[in-house]
Amino acid sequence: MLDTLTAMSAENPKNSPILKRLTPVLVLVALCWAVFVLNNLILHGHLNQYGIRPRHVGGLLGILWSPFLHGSLRHLVANTVPLALLGAILCLRGRNEFAMVTVMGVVLSGGLTWLIGRNAYHIGASGLIFCFFGYLASLAFFERKIGTLLLSIVCILGYGGIVRGILPMSSAVSWEGHLAGFISGITLAWFLSNVKQASNETKVPVIEHRADKVQ
């Protein structure tokens, strides 16, 4: 894992074609739609029982499955656009960074939802969306770079309104999942920024021995 985090800090995504850089988020969105077709059109929602059911041991598996399950087409469409856009921003920063934030975000936000959520099946990618948003919006505070600051400002201006989703405004909406995702995103921004900084500080310069440079 530490090797992956170190590679993330050294990755230079600008060397890859843009479509290749966006492949991970496109695959993620495609998986959500494929599972929706299987679950809602073929299995008539049978897979919804594999969502997160808080404080039930059997509900722990839902931490992995819940981001891909959606209760309706409206639910999926509402999640597709922010998932694709925020995920694309992360992919353009680096595919390794996208992978780390996605995997760790699913586990952290899902685990927190399992701890604090109401007794119901919590499904949908919105927890991961809030994780992406929390990560990108808070990144400038931890990295302190002009480019990162501009990125955070753009994300806040574009999607800052979703923060209202962490409030218990509707019994049909998993605000606990939103809150868990948001907290997880900020936590990951802090953690991964520190890992990058530590990696940069411990880099040892390489000095070449070249006979052709000897006069």
N, C-alpha and C. Protein backbone atom coordinates (compact mmCIF):
# COMPACT_ATOMS: atom_id res chain seq x y z
N MET A 1 0.83 -1.21 0.00
CA MET A 1 0.00 0.00 0.00
C MET A 1 0.86 1.25 0.00
N LEU A 2 1.93 1.23 0.81
CA LEU A 2 2.81 2.38 0.86
C LEU A 2 3.48 2.63 -0.48
N ASP A 3 3.81 1.53 -1.19
CA ASP A 3 4.40 1.68 -2.52
C ASP A 3 3.43 2.36 -3.47
N THR A 4 2.14 2.01 -3.36
CA THR A 4 1.12 2.62 -4.21
C THR A 4 0.98 4.10 -3.91
N LEU A 5 1.00 4.46 -2.62
CA LEU A 5 0.90 5.86 -2.23
C LEU A 5 2.09 6.66 -2.72
N THR A 6 3.27 6.05 -2.65
CA THR A 6 4.47 6.74 -3.14
C THR A 6 4.40 6.92 -4.64
N ALA A 7 3.92 5.90 -5.36
CA ALA A 7 3.79 6.00 -6.81
C ALA A 7 2.79 7.08 -7.18
N MET A 8 1.77 7.24 -6.36
CA MET A 8 0.76 8.26 -6.61
C MET A 8 1.39 9.64 -6.61
N SER A 9 2.32 9.88 -5.70
CA SER A 9 2.94 11.19 -5.61
C SER A 9 3.89 11.46 -6.76
N ALA A 10 4.38 10.39 -7.40
CA ALA A 10 5.33 10.56 -8.49
C ALA A 10 4.67 10.49 -9.86
N GLU A 11 3.40 10.15 -9.91
CA GLU A 11 2.71 9.96 -11.18
C GLU A 11 2.61 11.26 -11.95
N ASN A 12 2.82 11.18 -13.25
CA ASN A 12 2.68 12.34 -14.12
C ASN A 12 1.60 12.05 -15.15
N PRO A 13 0.33 12.35 -14.85
CA PRO A 13 -0.77 11.99 -15.73
C PRO A 13 -0.77 12.72 -17.06
N LYS A 14 -0.01 13.82 -17.17
CA LYS A 14 -0.02 14.62 -18.39
C LYS A 14 0.57 13.86 -19.57
N ASN A 15 1.32 12.78 -19.27
CA ASN A 15 1.94 12.01 -20.35
C ASN A 15 0.97 11.06 -21.03
N SER A 16 -0.25 10.90 -20.48
CA SER A 16 -1.22 9.95 -21.03
C SER A 16 -2.30 10.67 -21.80
N PRO A 17 -2.85 10.04 -22.86
CA PRO A 17 -3.99 10.63 -23.58
C PRO A 17 -5.16 10.82 -22.64
N ILE A 18 -5.96 11.85 -22.89
CA ILE A 18 -7.03 12.20 -21.95
C ILE A 18 -8.06 11.09 -21.79
N LEU A 19 -8.38 10.39 -22.88
CA LEU A 19 -9.36 9.31 -22.77
C LEU A 19 -8.85 8.19 -21.88
N LYS A 20 -7.56 7.89 -21.99
CA LYS A 20 -6.95 6.85 -21.16
C LYS A 20 -6.97 7.27 -19.70
N ARG A 21 -6.76 8.55 -19.45
CA ARG A 21 -6.76 9.05 -18.08
C ARG A 21 -8.16 9.00 -17.46
N LEU A 22 -9.19 9.09 -18.30
CA LEU A 22 -10.57 9.08 -17.81
C LEU A 22 -11.17 7.68 -17.74
N THR A 23 -10.43 6.68 -18.21
CA THR A 23 -10.96 5.31 -18.26
C THR A 23 -11.48 4.81 -16.91
N PRO A 24 -10.77 5.02 -15.79
CA PRO A 24 -11.28 4.50 -14.51
C PRO A 24 -12.66 5.02 -14.13
N VAL A 25 -12.91 6.32 -14.29
CA VAL A 25 -14.22 6.85 -13.90
C VAL A 25 -15.30 6.40 -14.88
N LEU A 26 -14.95 6.25 -16.15
CA LEU A 26 -15.91 5.75 -17.13
C LEU A 26 -16.32 4.32 -16.81
N VAL A 27 -15.35 3.52 -16.38
CA VAL A 27 -15.63 2.13 -15.99
C VAL A 27 -16.53 2.12 -14.75
N LEU A 28 -16.24 3.00 -13.79
CA LEU A 28 -17.04 3.08 -12.57
C LEU A 28 -18.50 3.42 -12.87
N VAL A 29 -18.70 4.41 -13.72
CA VAL A 29 -20.07 4.81 -14.09
C VAL A 29 -20.76 3.69 -14.86
N ALA A 30 -20.02 3.05 -15.76
CA ALA A 30 -20.59 1.95 -16.54
C ALA A 30 -21.02 0.80 -15.64
N LEU A 31 -20.24 0.53 -14.60
CA LEU A 31 -20.59 -0.54 -13.65
C LEU A 31 -21.90 -0.21 -12.92
N CYS A 32 -22.07 1.06 -12.54
CA CYS A 32 -23.31 1.47 -11.88
C CYS A 32 -24.51 1.21 -12.77
N TRP A 33 -24.37 1.54 -14.05
CA TRP A 33 -25.48 1.34 -14.99
C TRP A 33 -25.72 -0.14 -15.28
N ALA A 34 -24.64 -0.91 -15.38
CA ALA A 34 -24.79 -2.35 -15.63
C ALA A 34 -25.49 -3.03 -14.46
N VAL A 35 -25.11 -2.67 -13.25
CA VAL A 35 -25.74 -3.26 -12.06
C VAL A 35 -27.21 -2.83 -11.98
N PHE A 36 -27.50 -1.59 -12.39
CA PHE A 36 -28.88 -1.12 -12.37
C PHE A 36 -29.74 -1.96 -13.32
N VAL A 37 -29.24 -2.23 -14.51
CA VAL A 37 -29.99 -3.04 -15.48
C VAL A 37 -30.23 -4.44 -14.91
N LEU A 38 -29.17 -5.03 -14.33
CA LEU A 38 -29.30 -6.37 -13.76
C LEU A 38 -30.28 -6.39 -12.59
N ASN A 39 -30.12 -5.44 -11.67
CA ASN A 39 -30.89 -5.46 -10.44
C ASN A 39 -32.34 -5.02 -10.65
N ASN A 40 -32.54 -3.91 -11.35
CA ASN A 40 -33.87 -3.32 -11.44
C ASN A 40 -34.71 -3.85 -12.59
N LEU A 41 -34.09 -4.20 -13.69
CA LEU A 41 -34.86 -4.66 -14.85
C LEU A 41 -34.97 -6.17 -14.94
N ILE A 42 -33.97 -6.87 -14.40
CA ILE A 42 -33.98 -8.33 -14.51
C ILE A 42 -34.36 -8.98 -13.17
N LEU A 43 -33.76 -8.50 -12.08
CA LEU A 43 -33.98 -9.12 -10.76
C LEU A 43 -35.01 -8.37 -9.93
N HIS A 44 -35.59 -7.31 -10.48
CA HIS A 44 -36.67 -6.56 -9.82
C HIS A 44 -36.28 -6.06 -8.42
N GLY A 45 -35.06 -5.55 -8.30
CA GLY A 45 -34.61 -4.95 -7.05
C GLY A 45 -34.15 -5.93 -6.00
N HIS A 46 -33.98 -7.19 -6.35
CA HIS A 46 -33.60 -8.22 -5.37
C HIS A 46 -32.25 -7.91 -4.71
N LEU A 47 -31.34 -7.26 -5.44
CA LEU A 47 -30.00 -7.00 -4.91
C LEU A 47 -29.96 -5.87 -3.89
N ASN A 48 -31.05 -5.14 -3.75
CA ASN A 48 -31.05 -4.02 -2.78
C ASN A 48 -30.80 -4.49 -1.35
N GLN A 49 -31.08 -5.75 -1.09
CA GLN A 49 -30.85 -6.29 0.25
C GLN A 49 -29.36 -6.42 0.57
N TYR A 50 -28.53 -6.20 -0.45
CA TYR A 50 -27.09 -6.24 -0.24
C TYR A 50 -26.51 -4.85 -0.03
N GLY A 51 -27.37 -3.88 0.25
CA GLY A 51 -26.90 -2.56 0.64
C GLY A 51 -26.39 -2.59 2.07
N ILE A 52 -26.00 -1.42 2.56
CA ILE A 52 -25.49 -1.33 3.93
C ILE A 52 -26.66 -1.34 4.91
N ARG A 53 -26.68 -2.32 5.80
CA ARG A 53 -27.67 -2.34 6.88
C ARG A 53 -26.92 -2.10 8.19
N PRO A 54 -27.02 -0.89 8.72
CA PRO A 54 -26.21 -0.50 9.87
C PRO A 54 -26.33 -1.44 11.07
N ARG A 55 -25.15 -1.71 11.65
CA ARG A 55 -25.01 -2.47 12.89
C ARG A 55 -25.53 -3.91 12.79
N HIS A 56 -25.63 -4.41 11.58
CA HIS A 56 -25.92 -5.83 11.35
C HIS A 56 -24.68 -6.43 10.68
N VAL A 57 -24.19 -7.53 11.21
CA VAL A 57 -22.97 -8.13 10.67
C VAL A 57 -23.11 -8.43 9.18
N GLY A 58 -24.29 -8.93 8.79
CA GLY A 58 -24.52 -9.23 7.38
C GLY A 58 -24.50 -7.99 6.50
N GLY A 59 -24.74 -6.83 7.10
CA GLY A 59 -24.75 -5.58 6.34
C GLY A 59 -23.37 -5.04 6.03
N LEU A 60 -22.32 -5.68 6.59
CA LEU A 60 -20.96 -5.22 6.33
C LEU A 60 -20.57 -5.39 4.86
N LEU A 61 -21.07 -6.46 4.23
CA LEU A 61 -20.76 -6.68 2.81
C LEU A 61 -21.33 -5.55 1.95
N GLY A 62 -22.38 -4.91 2.46
CA GLY A 62 -22.98 -3.80 1.72
C GLY A 62 -22.05 -2.62 1.56
N ILE A 63 -21.02 -2.54 2.39
CA ILE A 63 -20.04 -1.47 2.25
C ILE A 63 -19.42 -1.49 0.85
N LEU A 64 -19.20 -2.69 0.33
CA LEU A 64 -18.61 -2.83 -1.00
C LEU A 64 -19.63 -2.73 -2.12
N TRP A 65 -20.86 -3.22 -1.87
CA TRP A 65 -21.85 -3.30 -2.96
C TRP A 65 -22.73 -2.06 -3.07
N SER A 66 -22.95 -1.37 -1.98
CA SER A 66 -23.94 -0.29 -1.99
C SER A 66 -23.69 0.82 -3.01
N PRO A 67 -22.44 1.22 -3.31
CA PRO A 67 -22.26 2.31 -4.28
C PRO A 67 -22.77 1.98 -5.68
N PHE A 68 -22.93 0.69 -5.98
CA PHE A 68 -23.35 0.29 -7.32
C PHE A 68 -24.85 0.03 -7.40
N LEU A 69 -25.55 0.08 -6.28
CA LEU A 69 -26.98 -0.20 -6.25
C LEU A 69 -27.79 1.09 -6.20
N HIS A 70 -28.83 1.18 -7.03
CA HIS A 70 -29.69 2.36 -7.05
C HIS A 70 -31.15 1.92 -7.11
N GLY A 71 -31.98 2.62 -6.36
CA GLY A 71 -33.37 2.21 -6.23
C GLY A 71 -34.24 2.50 -7.42
N SER A 72 -33.86 3.49 -8.24
CA SER A 72 -34.68 3.87 -9.39
C SER A 72 -33.81 4.52 -10.45
N LEU A 73 -34.37 4.67 -11.64
CA LEU A 73 -33.63 5.33 -12.72
C LEU A 73 -33.34 6.79 -12.35
N ARG A 74 -34.28 7.43 -11.70
CA ARG A 74 -34.07 8.82 -11.27
C ARG A 74 -32.91 8.92 -10.29
N HIS A 75 -32.83 7.97 -9.39
CA HIS A 75 -31.75 7.92 -8.41
C HIS A 75 -30.40 7.78 -9.12
N LEU A 76 -30.33 6.88 -10.08
CA LEU A 76 -29.08 6.64 -10.81
C LEU A 76 -28.68 7.84 -11.65
N VAL A 77 -29.63 8.43 -12.37
CA VAL A 77 -29.32 9.59 -13.22
C VAL A 77 -28.83 10.75 -12.36
N ALA A 78 -29.46 10.97 -11.21
CA ALA A 78 -29.06 12.07 -10.32
C ALA A 78 -27.63 11.88 -9.82
N ASN A 79 -27.20 10.64 -9.67
CA ASN A 79 -25.85 10.38 -9.18
C ASN A 79 -24.82 10.32 -10.30
N THR A 80 -25.25 10.02 -11.51
CA THR A 80 -24.31 9.80 -12.61
C THR A 80 -23.49 11.05 -12.93
N VAL A 81 -24.15 12.20 -13.05
CA VAL A 81 -23.45 13.41 -13.49
C VAL A 81 -22.38 13.85 -12.48
N PRO A 82 -22.71 14.04 -11.19
CA PRO A 82 -21.65 14.44 -10.26
C PRO A 82 -20.58 13.38 -10.07
N LEU A 83 -20.96 12.10 -10.12
CA LEU A 83 -19.98 11.03 -10.01
C LEU A 83 -18.99 11.10 -11.16
N ALA A 84 -19.51 11.32 -12.37
CA ALA A 84 -18.66 11.38 -13.56
C ALA A 84 -17.78 12.63 -13.55
N LEU A 85 -18.34 13.78 -13.20
CA LEU A 85 -17.58 15.03 -13.24
C LEU A 85 -16.51 15.09 -12.16
N LEU A 86 -16.90 14.82 -10.92
CA LEU A 86 -15.92 14.86 -9.83
C LEU A 86 -14.89 13.74 -9.98
N GLY A 87 -15.35 12.58 -10.43
CA GLY A 87 -14.42 11.49 -10.68
C GLY A 87 -13.46 11.81 -11.80
N ALA A 88 -13.93 12.52 -12.83
CA ALA A 88 -13.07 12.91 -13.95
C ALA A 88 -11.97 13.86 -13.48
N ILE A 89 -12.33 14.78 -12.60
CA ILE A 89 -11.33 15.71 -12.06
C ILE A 89 -10.24 14.93 -11.33
N LEU A 90 -10.65 13.96 -10.55
CA LEU A 90 -9.67 13.14 -9.82
C LEU A 90 -8.80 12.34 -10.79
N CYS A 91 -9.42 11.78 -11.83
CA CYS A 91 -8.66 11.02 -12.82
C CYS A 91 -7.64 11.89 -13.53
N LEU A 92 -8.01 13.13 -13.83
CA LEU A 92 -7.09 14.04 -14.51
C LEU A 92 -5.92 14.43 -13.60
N ARG A 93 -6.15 14.39 -12.31
CA ARG A 93 -5.05 14.60 -11.37
C ARG A 93 -4.12 13.39 -11.34
N GLY A 94 -4.69 12.21 -11.58
CA GLY A 94 -3.88 11.00 -11.59
C GLY A 94 -4.74 9.78 -11.35
N ARG A 95 -4.55 8.73 -12.14
CA ARG A 95 -5.37 7.53 -11.99
C ARG A 95 -5.10 6.82 -10.67
N ASN A 96 -3.85 6.87 -10.20
CA ASN A 96 -3.56 6.26 -8.91
C ASN A 96 -4.27 6.99 -7.78
N GLU A 97 -4.31 8.32 -7.88
CA GLU A 97 -5.01 9.10 -6.86
C GLU A 97 -6.50 8.79 -6.89
N PHE A 98 -7.07 8.69 -8.09
CA PHE A 98 -8.48 8.33 -8.21
C PHE A 98 -8.75 6.96 -7.58
N ALA A 99 -7.88 6.00 -7.86
CA ALA A 99 -8.06 4.64 -7.33
C ALA A 99 -8.00 4.64 -5.80
N MET A 100 -7.02 5.36 -5.24
CA MET A 100 -6.88 5.39 -3.79
C MET A 100 -8.08 6.05 -3.12
N VAL A 101 -8.50 7.20 -3.64
CA VAL A 101 -9.63 7.91 -3.05
C VAL A 101 -10.91 7.10 -3.19
N THR A 102 -11.08 6.44 -4.32
CA THR A 102 -12.29 5.64 -4.54
C THR A 102 -12.36 4.45 -3.60
N VAL A 103 -11.31 3.65 -3.57
CA VAL A 103 -11.31 2.44 -2.75
C VAL A 103 -11.39 2.78 -1.26
N MET A 104 -10.53 3.69 -0.84
CA MET A 104 -10.52 4.05 0.58
C MET A 104 -11.80 4.81 0.95
N GLY A 105 -12.32 5.59 0.01
CA GLY A 105 -13.56 6.32 0.26
C GLY A 105 -14.75 5.39 0.42
N VAL A 106 -14.83 4.37 -0.42
CA VAL A 106 -15.91 3.39 -0.30
C VAL A 106 -15.87 2.69 1.06
N VAL A 107 -14.68 2.29 1.47
CA VAL A 107 -14.54 1.57 2.74
C VAL A 107 -14.82 2.48 3.93
N LEU A 108 -14.22 3.68 3.93
CA LEU A 108 -14.39 4.59 5.07
C LEU A 108 -15.83 5.09 5.19
N SER A 109 -16.37 5.59 4.07
CA SER A 109 -17.73 6.14 4.13
C SER A 109 -18.75 5.04 4.41
N GLY A 110 -18.53 3.86 3.81
CA GLY A 110 -19.43 2.74 4.06
C GLY A 110 -19.36 2.27 5.50
N GLY A 111 -18.15 2.20 6.04
CA GLY A 111 -17.98 1.78 7.43
C GLY A 111 -18.63 2.76 8.40
N LEU A 112 -18.47 4.05 8.13
CA LEU A 112 -19.08 5.06 9.00
C LEU A 112 -20.60 5.03 8.89
N THR A 113 -21.11 4.82 7.68
CA THR A 113 -22.56 4.69 7.50
C THR A 113 -23.09 3.49 8.28
N TRP A 114 -22.34 2.41 8.26
CA TRP A 114 -22.73 1.20 8.99
C TRP A 114 -22.82 1.48 10.49
N LEU A 115 -21.99 2.41 10.97
CA LEU A 115 -21.97 2.72 12.40
C LEU A 115 -23.09 3.68 12.81
N ILE A 116 -23.37 4.69 11.97
CA ILE A 116 -24.27 5.76 12.40
C ILE A 116 -25.62 5.76 11.70
N GLY A 117 -25.79 4.95 10.67
CA GLY A 117 -27.00 4.99 9.86
C GLY A 117 -28.24 4.44 10.55
N ARG A 118 -29.39 4.84 10.01
CA ARG A 118 -30.66 4.29 10.50
C ARG A 118 -30.80 2.83 10.07
N ASN A 119 -31.72 2.12 10.71
CA ASN A 119 -31.94 0.72 10.40
C ASN A 119 -32.72 0.60 9.09
N ALA A 120 -31.99 0.57 8.00
CA ALA A 120 -32.56 0.47 6.65
C ALA A 120 -31.45 0.04 5.72
N TYR A 121 -31.79 -0.27 4.48
CA TYR A 121 -30.77 -0.59 3.50
C TYR A 121 -30.32 0.71 2.82
N HIS A 122 -29.07 1.06 2.99
CA HIS A 122 -28.51 2.28 2.42
C HIS A 122 -27.82 1.92 1.12
N ILE A 123 -28.31 2.48 0.02
CA ILE A 123 -27.74 2.16 -1.29
C ILE A 123 -27.49 3.44 -2.08
N GLY A 124 -26.64 3.34 -3.09
CA GLY A 124 -26.39 4.47 -3.98
C GLY A 124 -24.95 4.97 -3.92
N ALA A 125 -24.53 5.65 -4.99
CA ALA A 125 -23.16 6.16 -5.10
C ALA A 125 -23.00 7.53 -4.47
N SER A 126 -24.05 8.08 -3.85
CA SER A 126 -23.96 9.44 -3.34
C SER A 126 -22.93 9.57 -2.22
N GLY A 127 -22.74 8.51 -1.42
CA GLY A 127 -21.71 8.56 -0.39
C GLY A 127 -20.33 8.77 -1.01
N LEU A 128 -20.08 8.08 -2.12
CA LEU A 128 -18.80 8.23 -2.82
C LEU A 128 -18.69 9.62 -3.46
N ILE A 129 -19.82 10.13 -3.97
CA ILE A 129 -19.83 11.48 -4.54
C ILE A 129 -19.46 12.51 -3.49
N PHE A 130 -20.04 12.39 -2.30
CA PHE A 130 -19.71 13.32 -1.21
C PHE A 130 -18.27 13.16 -0.78
N CYS A 131 -17.74 11.94 -0.89
CA CYS A 131 -16.33 11.71 -0.58
C CYS A 131 -15.45 12.45 -1.60
N PHE A 132 -15.76 12.31 -2.89
CA PHE A 132 -15.02 13.04 -3.92
C PHE A 132 -15.07 14.54 -3.67
N PHE A 133 -16.27 15.04 -3.38
CA PHE A 133 -16.43 16.47 -3.17
C PHE A 133 -15.65 16.93 -1.94
N GLY A 134 -15.79 16.21 -0.83
CA GLY A 134 -15.07 16.58 0.39
C GLY A 134 -13.57 16.57 0.17
N TYR A 135 -13.09 15.60 -0.60
CA TYR A 135 -11.65 15.50 -0.89
C TYR A 135 -11.18 16.70 -1.71
N LEU A 136 -11.86 16.97 -2.81
CA LEU A 136 -11.42 18.04 -3.71
C LEU A 136 -11.62 19.42 -3.10
N ALA A 137 -12.70 19.60 -2.35
CA ALA A 137 -13.00 20.91 -1.77
C ALA A 137 -12.04 21.27 -0.65
N SER A 138 -11.53 20.27 0.07
CA SER A 138 -10.66 20.54 1.21
C SER A 138 -9.18 20.40 0.89
N LEU A 139 -8.86 19.93 -0.31
CA LEU A 139 -7.48 19.63 -0.66
C LEU A 139 -6.57 20.85 -0.55
N ALA A 140 -7.09 22.03 -0.91
CA ALA A 140 -6.28 23.25 -0.88
C ALA A 140 -5.81 23.57 0.53
N PHE A 141 -6.61 23.23 1.52
CA PHE A 141 -6.25 23.52 2.92
C PHE A 141 -5.02 22.72 3.34
N PHE A 142 -4.86 21.52 2.75
CA PHE A 142 -3.76 20.65 3.16
C PHE A 142 -2.54 20.77 2.24
N GLU A 143 -2.74 21.07 0.96
CA GLU A 143 -1.62 21.15 0.03
C GLU A 143 -1.05 22.55 -0.13
N ARG A 144 -1.87 23.57 0.03
CA ARG A 144 -1.45 24.97 -0.02
C ARG A 144 -0.71 25.30 -1.33
N LYS A 145 -1.33 24.96 -2.45
CA LYS A 145 -0.78 25.29 -3.77
C LYS A 145 -1.82 26.08 -4.55
N ILE A 146 -1.36 26.99 -5.41
CA ILE A 146 -2.28 27.83 -6.18
C ILE A 146 -3.21 26.99 -7.04
N GLY A 147 -2.65 26.01 -7.74
CA GLY A 147 -3.47 25.16 -8.60
C GLY A 147 -4.52 24.40 -7.82
N THR A 148 -4.12 23.88 -6.67
CA THR A 148 -5.06 23.14 -5.82
C THR A 148 -6.12 24.06 -5.25
N LEU A 149 -5.73 25.29 -4.90
CA LEU A 149 -6.69 26.27 -4.39
C LEU A 149 -7.76 26.57 -5.44
N LEU A 150 -7.33 26.78 -6.68
CA LEU A 150 -8.28 27.06 -7.76
C LEU A 150 -9.21 25.87 -7.98
N LEU A 151 -8.65 24.67 -7.90
CA LEU A 151 -9.45 23.46 -8.07
C LEU A 151 -10.52 23.37 -6.98
N SER A 152 -10.13 23.61 -5.74
CA SER A 152 -11.08 23.55 -4.63
C SER A 152 -12.17 24.60 -4.79
N ILE A 153 -11.79 25.80 -5.22
CA ILE A 153 -12.78 26.87 -5.42
C ILE A 153 -13.79 26.48 -6.49
N VAL A 154 -13.29 25.92 -7.60
CA VAL A 154 -14.18 25.51 -8.69
C VAL A 154 -15.16 24.44 -8.21
N CYS A 155 -14.67 23.47 -7.45
CA CYS A 155 -15.53 22.40 -6.94
C CYS A 155 -16.58 22.94 -5.98
N ILE A 156 -16.17 23.87 -5.13
CA ILE A 156 -17.12 24.45 -4.16
C ILE A 156 -18.18 25.27 -4.88
N LEU A 157 -17.76 26.06 -5.87
CA LEU A 157 -18.72 26.88 -6.63
C LEU A 157 -19.66 26.00 -7.45
N GLY A 158 -19.12 24.91 -8.00
CA GLY A 158 -19.92 24.06 -8.85
C GLY A 158 -20.86 23.13 -8.10
N TYR A 159 -20.37 22.58 -6.97
CA TYR A 159 -21.17 21.58 -6.26
C TYR A 159 -21.32 21.85 -4.77
N GLY A 160 -20.98 23.05 -4.32
CA GLY A 160 -21.10 23.37 -2.90
C GLY A 160 -22.49 23.19 -2.35
N GLY A 161 -23.50 23.33 -3.21
CA GLY A 161 -24.89 23.20 -2.76
C GLY A 161 -25.24 21.82 -2.25
N ILE A 162 -24.46 20.80 -2.63
CA ILE A 162 -24.81 19.44 -2.20
C ILE A 162 -24.55 19.24 -0.72
N VAL A 163 -23.81 20.17 -0.09
CA VAL A 163 -23.52 20.04 1.33
C VAL A 163 -24.81 19.99 2.14
N ARG A 164 -25.89 20.55 1.60
CA ARG A 164 -27.18 20.48 2.29
C ARG A 164 -27.63 19.04 2.47
N GLY A 165 -27.08 18.15 1.64
CA GLY A 165 -27.46 16.74 1.71
C GLY A 165 -26.99 16.04 2.97
N ILE A 166 -26.12 16.67 3.75
CA ILE A 166 -25.67 16.04 5.00
C ILE A 166 -26.66 16.30 6.14
N LEU A 167 -27.71 17.08 5.85
CA LEU A 167 -28.72 17.37 6.86
C LEU A 167 -29.90 16.40 6.70
N PRO A 168 -30.53 15.99 7.80
CA PRO A 168 -31.66 15.05 7.73
C PRO A 168 -32.93 15.74 7.24
N MET A 169 -33.02 15.95 5.92
CA MET A 169 -34.14 16.68 5.33
C MET A 169 -35.23 15.76 4.81
N SER A 170 -34.91 14.48 4.58
CA SER A 170 -35.90 13.54 4.06
C SER A 170 -35.62 12.15 4.59
N SER A 171 -36.68 11.47 5.01
CA SER A 171 -36.51 10.11 5.55
C SER A 171 -36.14 9.11 4.46
N ALA A 172 -36.35 9.49 3.19
CA ALA A 172 -36.05 8.57 2.09
C ALA A 172 -34.62 8.72 1.59
N VAL A 173 -33.89 9.69 2.13
CA VAL A 173 -32.52 9.97 1.69
C VAL A 173 -31.54 9.62 2.79
N SER A 174 -30.48 8.94 2.44
CA SER A 174 -29.47 8.56 3.42
C SER A 174 -28.52 9.73 3.67
N TRP A 175 -28.97 10.67 4.51
CA TRP A 175 -28.10 11.79 4.85
C TRP A 175 -26.89 11.30 5.64
N GLU A 176 -27.05 10.16 6.34
CA GLU A 176 -25.92 9.60 7.08
C GLU A 176 -24.80 9.17 6.11
N GLY A 177 -25.21 8.59 4.96
CA GLY A 177 -24.23 8.21 3.96
C GLY A 177 -23.53 9.42 3.36
N HIS A 178 -24.30 10.51 3.16
CA HIS A 178 -23.71 11.74 2.64
C HIS A 178 -22.69 12.31 3.63
N LEU A 179 -23.09 12.37 4.89
CA LEU A 179 -22.20 12.90 5.93
C LEU A 179 -20.95 12.03 6.06
N ALA A 180 -21.14 10.72 6.03
CA ALA A 180 -20.01 9.80 6.13
C ALA A 180 -19.05 9.99 4.96
N GLY A 181 -19.60 10.16 3.76
CA GLY A 181 -18.76 10.37 2.59
C GLY A 181 -17.99 11.67 2.68
N PHE A 182 -18.66 12.73 3.11
CA PHE A 182 -18.03 14.05 3.21
C PHE A 182 -16.87 14.02 4.22
N ILE A 183 -17.11 13.42 5.37
CA ILE A 183 -16.06 13.30 6.39
C ILE A 183 -14.90 12.45 5.87
N SER A 184 -15.23 11.38 5.18
CA SER A 184 -14.20 10.49 4.63
C SER A 184 -13.34 11.22 3.60
N GLY A 185 -13.97 12.04 2.77
CA GLY A 185 -13.22 12.78 1.75
C GLY A 185 -12.22 13.74 2.36
N ILE A 186 -12.65 14.48 3.38
CA ILE A 186 -11.75 15.42 4.06
C ILE A 186 -10.62 14.66 4.75
N THR A 187 -10.95 13.53 5.37
CA THR A 187 -9.94 12.72 6.04
C THR A 187 -8.90 12.21 5.04
N LEU A 188 -9.35 11.79 3.87
CA LEU A 188 -8.43 11.29 2.85
C LEU A 188 -7.57 12.42 2.28
N ALA A 189 -8.13 13.60 2.15
CA ALA A 189 -7.35 14.74 1.67
C ALA A 189 -6.20 15.03 2.63
N TRP A 190 -6.50 14.98 3.91
CA TRP A 190 -5.46 15.20 4.93
C TRP A 190 -4.42 14.07 4.89
N PHE A 191 -4.89 12.84 4.84
CA PHE A 191 -3.98 11.69 4.90
C PHE A 191 -3.08 11.61 3.66
N LEU A 192 -3.67 11.68 2.48
CA LEU A 192 -2.89 11.53 1.26
C LEU A 192 -1.96 12.72 1.03
N SER A 193 -2.37 13.90 1.45
CA SER A 193 -1.49 15.07 1.33
C SER A 193 -0.25 14.90 2.20
N ASN A 194 -0.45 14.37 3.40
CA ASN A 194 0.68 14.12 4.29
C ASN A 194 1.60 13.03 3.75
N VAL A 195 1.00 12.02 3.12
CA VAL A 195 1.81 10.96 2.52
C VAL A 195 2.67 11.52 1.39
N LYS A 196 2.08 12.36 0.55
CA LYS A 196 2.83 12.97 -0.55
C LYS A 196 3.97 13.83 -0.02
N GLN A 197 3.66 14.62 0.99
CA GLN A 197 4.68 15.51 1.56
C GLN A 197 5.83 14.71 2.16
N ALA A 198 5.49 13.66 2.88
CA ALA A 198 6.52 12.81 3.49
C ALA A 198 7.37 12.14 2.42
N SER A 199 6.72 11.72 1.33
CA SER A 199 7.44 11.07 0.23
C SER A 199 8.41 12.03 -0.43
N ASN A 200 7.97 13.27 -0.64
CA ASN A 200 8.84 14.27 -1.27
C ASN A 200 10.02 14.64 -0.38
N GLU A 201 9.79 14.66 0.94
CA GLU A 201 10.86 15.03 1.87
C GLU A 201 11.91 13.95 2.01
N THR A 202 11.55 12.70 1.74
CA THR A 202 12.49 11.59 1.93
C THR A 202 13.17 11.17 0.63
N LYS A 203 12.88 11.85 -0.47
CA LYS A 203 13.53 11.51 -1.73
C LYS A 203 15.02 11.80 -1.65
N VAL A 204 15.84 10.84 -2.09
CA VAL A 204 17.29 11.00 -2.08
C VAL A 204 17.75 11.30 -3.50
N PRO A 205 18.54 12.35 -3.71
CA PRO A 205 18.98 12.68 -5.07
C PRO A 205 19.87 11.59 -5.65
N VAL A 206 19.80 11.42 -6.96
CA VAL A 206 20.60 10.43 -7.68
C VAL A 206 21.74 11.14 -8.38
N ILE A 207 22.97 10.69 -8.13
CA ILE A 207 24.16 11.27 -8.75
C ILE A 207 24.75 10.23 -9.68
N GLU A 208 24.87 10.59 -10.94
CA GLU A 208 25.38 9.65 -11.93
C GLU A 208 26.90 9.69 -12.01
N HIS A 209 27.47 8.51 -12.23
CA HIS A 209 28.91 8.39 -12.50
C HIS A 209 29.06 8.20 -14.00
N ARG A 210 29.52 9.26 -14.69
CA ARG A 210 29.64 9.18 -16.16
C ARG A 210 31.07 9.56 -16.55
N ALA A 211 31.73 8.61 -17.19
CA ALA A 211 33.13 8.84 -17.58
C ALA A 211 33.26 9.93 -18.62
N ASP A 212 32.21 10.12 -19.46
CA ASP A 212 32.33 11.12 -20.52
C ASP A 212 32.31 12.55 -19.98
N LYS A 213 31.96 12.71 -18.69
CA LYS A 213 31.93 14.04 -18.10
C LYS A 213 33.25 14.39 -17.41
N VAL A 214 34.15 13.40 -17.35
CA VAL A 214 35.43 13.65 -16.70
C VAL A 214 36.40 14.29 -17.69
N GLN A 215 36.96 15.43 -17.33
CA GLN A 215 37.88 16.16 -18.21
C GLN A 215 39.32 15.72 -17.93
